[in-house]
């Protein structure tokens, strides 16, 4: 193999890597970031008082209710109501960031 063949192989490999990377980023760019979703939920909870902690899964997961399928983030919020610890979980649409459900656990 001469240097021209090696250079051609490297160029093809690099180009393929860039194309694959851009395709993956395009798919993820159709989603609201997990951080933005969590900040929105925290802001809503803070209207009722301080929160103690929060979490969110960074990678969306498949979710289905009857015939409706979508990708969602799952997360949670904890706060104290007087001396009692309250914990909530939420599900938010990964594409729009809309909170679909909040429930106390």
C-alpha atoms as a PDB file:
ATOM      1  CA  UNK A   1       0.000   0.000   0.000  1.00  0.00           C
ATOM      2  CA  UNK A   2       1.404   3.374  -0.927  1.00  0.00           C
ATOM      3  CA  UNK A   3       0.850   6.664   0.833  1.00  0.00           C
ATOM      4  CA  UNK A   4      -1.920   7.731  -1.601  1.00  0.00           C
ATOM      5  CA  UNK A   5      -4.005   4.686  -0.684  1.00  0.00           C
ATOM      6  CA  UNK A   6      -3.448   5.342   3.018  1.00  0.00           C
ATOM      7  CA  UNK A   7      -4.402   9.010   2.641  1.00  0.00           C
ATOM      8  CA  UNK A   8      -7.521   8.092   0.669  1.00  0.00           C
ATOM      9  CA  UNK A   9      -8.546   5.552   3.321  1.00  0.00           C
ATOM     10  CA  UNK A  10      -8.026   8.080   6.101  1.00  0.00           C
ATOM     11  CA  UNK A  11     -10.043  10.722   4.234  1.00  0.00           C
ATOM     12  CA  UNK A  12     -12.935   8.318   3.635  1.00  0.00           C
ATOM     13  CA  UNK A  13     -12.909   7.235   7.285  1.00  0.00           C
ATOM     14  CA  UNK A  14     -12.842  10.824   8.526  1.00  0.00           C
ATOM     15  CA  UNK A  15     -15.683  11.835   6.209  1.00  0.00           C
ATOM     16  CA  UNK A  16     -17.800   8.887   7.325  1.00  0.00           C
ATOM     17  CA  UNK A  17     -17.177   9.770  10.971  1.00  0.00           C
ATOM     18  CA  UNK A  18     -18.255  13.377  10.436  1.00  0.00           C
ATOM     19  CA  UNK A  19     -21.430  12.336   8.597  1.00  0.00           C
ATOM     20  CA  UNK A  20     -22.399   9.836  11.301  1.00  0.00           C
ATOM     21  CA  UNK A  21     -21.712  12.370  14.047  1.00  0.00           C
ATOM     22  CA  UNK A  22     -23.821  15.043  12.356  1.00  0.00           C
ATOM     23  CA  UNK A  23     -26.677  12.582  11.860  1.00  0.00           C
ATOM     24  CA  UNK A  24     -26.644  11.679  15.561  1.00  0.00           C
ATOM     25  CA  UNK A  25     -26.583  15.359  16.551  1.00  0.00           C
ATOM     26  CA  UNK A  26     -29.495  16.110  14.218  1.00  0.00           C
ATOM     27  CA  UNK A  27     -31.615  13.455  15.928  1.00  0.00           C
ATOM     28  CA  UNK A  28     -30.779  14.786  19.391  1.00  0.00           C
ATOM     29  CA  UNK A  29     -31.267  18.430  18.346  1.00  0.00           C
ATOM     30  CA  UNK A  30     -34.973  17.672  17.912  1.00  0.00           C
ATOM     31  CA  UNK A  31     -35.121  17.280  21.683  1.00  0.00           C
ATOM     32  CA  UNK A  32     -35.195  19.766  24.517  1.00  0.00           C
ATOM     33  CA  UNK A  33     -32.211  19.278  26.816  1.00  0.00           C
ATOM     34  CA  UNK A  34     -32.769  17.390  30.044  1.00  0.00           C
ATOM     35  CA  UNK A  35     -31.232  20.302  31.963  1.00  0.00           C
ATOM     36  CA  UNK A  36     -33.777  22.733  30.513  1.00  0.00           C
ATOM     37  CA  UNK A  37     -36.682  20.427  31.391  1.00  0.00           C
ATOM     38  CA  UNK A  38     -35.421  20.009  34.958  1.00  0.00           C
ATOM     39  CA  UNK A  39     -34.939  23.764  35.383  1.00  0.00           C
ATOM     40  CA  UNK A  40     -38.512  24.369  34.205  1.00  0.00           C
ATOM     41  CA  UNK A  41     -39.926  21.840  36.679  1.00  0.00           C
ATOM     42  CA  UNK A  42     -37.811  23.258  39.517  1.00  0.00           C
ATOM     43  CA  UNK A  43     -39.010  26.789  38.716  1.00  0.00           C
ATOM     44  CA  UNK A  44     -42.621  25.618  38.903  1.00  0.00           C
ATOM     45  CA  UNK A  45     -42.094  23.879  42.254  1.00  0.00           C
ATOM     46  CA  UNK A  46     -40.216  26.879  43.677  1.00  0.00           C
ATOM     47  CA  UNK A  47     -43.381  28.951  43.263  1.00  0.00           C
ATOM     48  CA  UNK A  48     -44.817  26.910  46.165  1.00  0.00           C
ATOM     49  CA  UNK A  49     -41.658  27.121  48.291  1.00  0.00           C
ATOM     50  CA  UNK A  50     -38.059  25.938  48.401  1.00  0.00           C
ATOM     51  CA  UNK A  51     -37.016  22.535  47.127  1.00  0.00           C
ATOM     52  CA  UNK A  52     -34.417  20.259  48.713  1.00  0.00           C
ATOM     53  CA  UNK A  53     -33.257  18.240  45.730  1.00  0.00           C
ATOM     54  CA  UNK A  54     -33.896  17.265  42.154  1.00  0.00           C
ATOM     55  CA  UNK A  55     -32.790  14.760  39.525  1.00  0.00           C
ATOM     56  CA  UNK A  56     -33.451  13.840  35.916  1.00  0.00           C
ATOM     57  CA  UNK A  57     -32.436  10.997  33.631  1.00  0.00           C
ATOM     58  CA  UNK A  58     -30.219  12.522  30.957  1.00  0.00           C
ATOM     59  CA  UNK A  59     -31.193  10.052  28.221  1.00  0.00           C
ATOM     60  CA  UNK A  60     -34.828   9.956  27.110  1.00  0.00           C
ATOM     61  CA  UNK A  61     -36.663   6.657  27.237  1.00  0.00           C
ATOM     62  CA  UNK A  62     -39.582   5.222  25.283  1.00  0.00           C
ATOM     63  CA  UNK A  63     -43.005   5.816  26.817  1.00  0.00           C
ATOM     64  CA  UNK A  64     -46.403   4.617  25.645  1.00  0.00           C
ATOM     65  CA  UNK A  65     -49.925   5.330  26.843  1.00  0.00           C
ATOM     66  CA  UNK A  66     -52.466   3.397  24.804  1.00  0.00           C
ATOM     67  CA  UNK A  67     -51.549   4.119  21.155  1.00  0.00           C
ATOM     68  CA  UNK A  68     -49.464   7.238  21.878  1.00  0.00           C
ATOM     69  CA  UNK A  69     -45.716   6.648  21.822  1.00  0.00           C
ATOM     70  CA  UNK A  70     -43.012   9.204  22.530  1.00  0.00           C
ATOM     71  CA  UNK A  71     -39.632   9.763  24.137  1.00  0.00           C
ATOM     72  CA  UNK A  72     -39.699  11.129  27.682  1.00  0.00           C
ATOM     73  CA  UNK A  73     -37.408  12.276  30.439  1.00  0.00           C
ATOM     74  CA  UNK A  74     -38.087  11.032  33.961  1.00  0.00           C
ATOM     75  CA  UNK A  75     -37.112  13.084  36.963  1.00  0.00           C
ATOM     76  CA  UNK A  76     -37.919  13.944  40.526  1.00  0.00           C
ATOM     77  CA  UNK A  77     -38.170  16.738  43.080  1.00  0.00           C
ATOM     78  CA  UNK A  78     -37.998  16.592  46.868  1.00  0.00           C
ATOM     79  CA  UNK A  79     -39.042  19.266  49.347  1.00  0.00           C
ATOM     80  CA  UNK A  80     -40.153  19.644  52.938  1.00  0.00           C
ATOM     81  CA  UNK A  81     -43.696  20.575  53.846  1.00  0.00           C
ATOM     82  CA  UNK A  82     -43.230  21.550  57.450  1.00  0.00           C
ATOM     83  CA  UNK A  83     -41.377  18.616  58.962  1.00  0.00           C
ATOM     84  CA  UNK A  84     -42.589  16.109  56.361  1.00  0.00           C
ATOM     85  CA  UNK A  85     -40.462  15.175  53.332  1.00  0.00           C
ATOM     86  CA  UNK A  86     -42.424  15.184  50.079  1.00  0.00           C
ATOM     87  CA  UNK A  87     -41.112  13.490  46.965  1.00  0.00           C
ATOM     88  CA  UNK A  88     -42.491  13.840  43.465  1.00  0.00           C
ATOM     89  CA  UNK A  89     -41.654  12.243  40.150  1.00  0.00           C
ATOM     90  CA  UNK A  90     -42.433  13.684  36.742  1.00  0.00           C
ATOM     91  CA  UNK A  91     -42.479  12.638  33.108  1.00  0.00           C
ATOM     92  CA  UNK A  92     -41.742  15.225  30.414  1.00  0.00           C
ATOM     93  CA  UNK A  93     -41.898  14.947  26.636  1.00  0.00           C
ATOM     94  CA  UNK A  94     -38.312  14.990  25.334  1.00  0.00           C
ATOM     95  CA  UNK A  95     -39.265  16.731  22.083  1.00  0.00           C
ATOM     96  CA  UNK A  96     -41.251  19.643  23.524  1.00  0.00           C
ATOM     97  CA  UNK A  97     -40.237  19.713  27.185  1.00  0.00           C
ATOM     98  CA  UNK A  98     -43.903  19.625  28.198  1.00  0.00           C
ATOM     99  CA  UNK A  99     -44.516  17.995  31.565  1.00  0.00           C
ATOM    100  CA  UNK A 100     -46.939  15.151  30.938  1.00  0.00           C
ATOM    101  CA  UNK A 101     -47.409  13.904  34.492  1.00  0.00           C
ATOM    102  CA  UNK A 102     -46.366  14.743  38.059  1.00  0.00           C
ATOM    103  CA  UNK A 103     -47.160  12.437  40.931  1.00  0.00           C
ATOM    104  CA  UNK A 104     -46.317  12.197  44.613  1.00  0.00           C
ATOM    105  CA  UNK A 105     -44.416   9.097  45.696  1.00  0.00           C
END
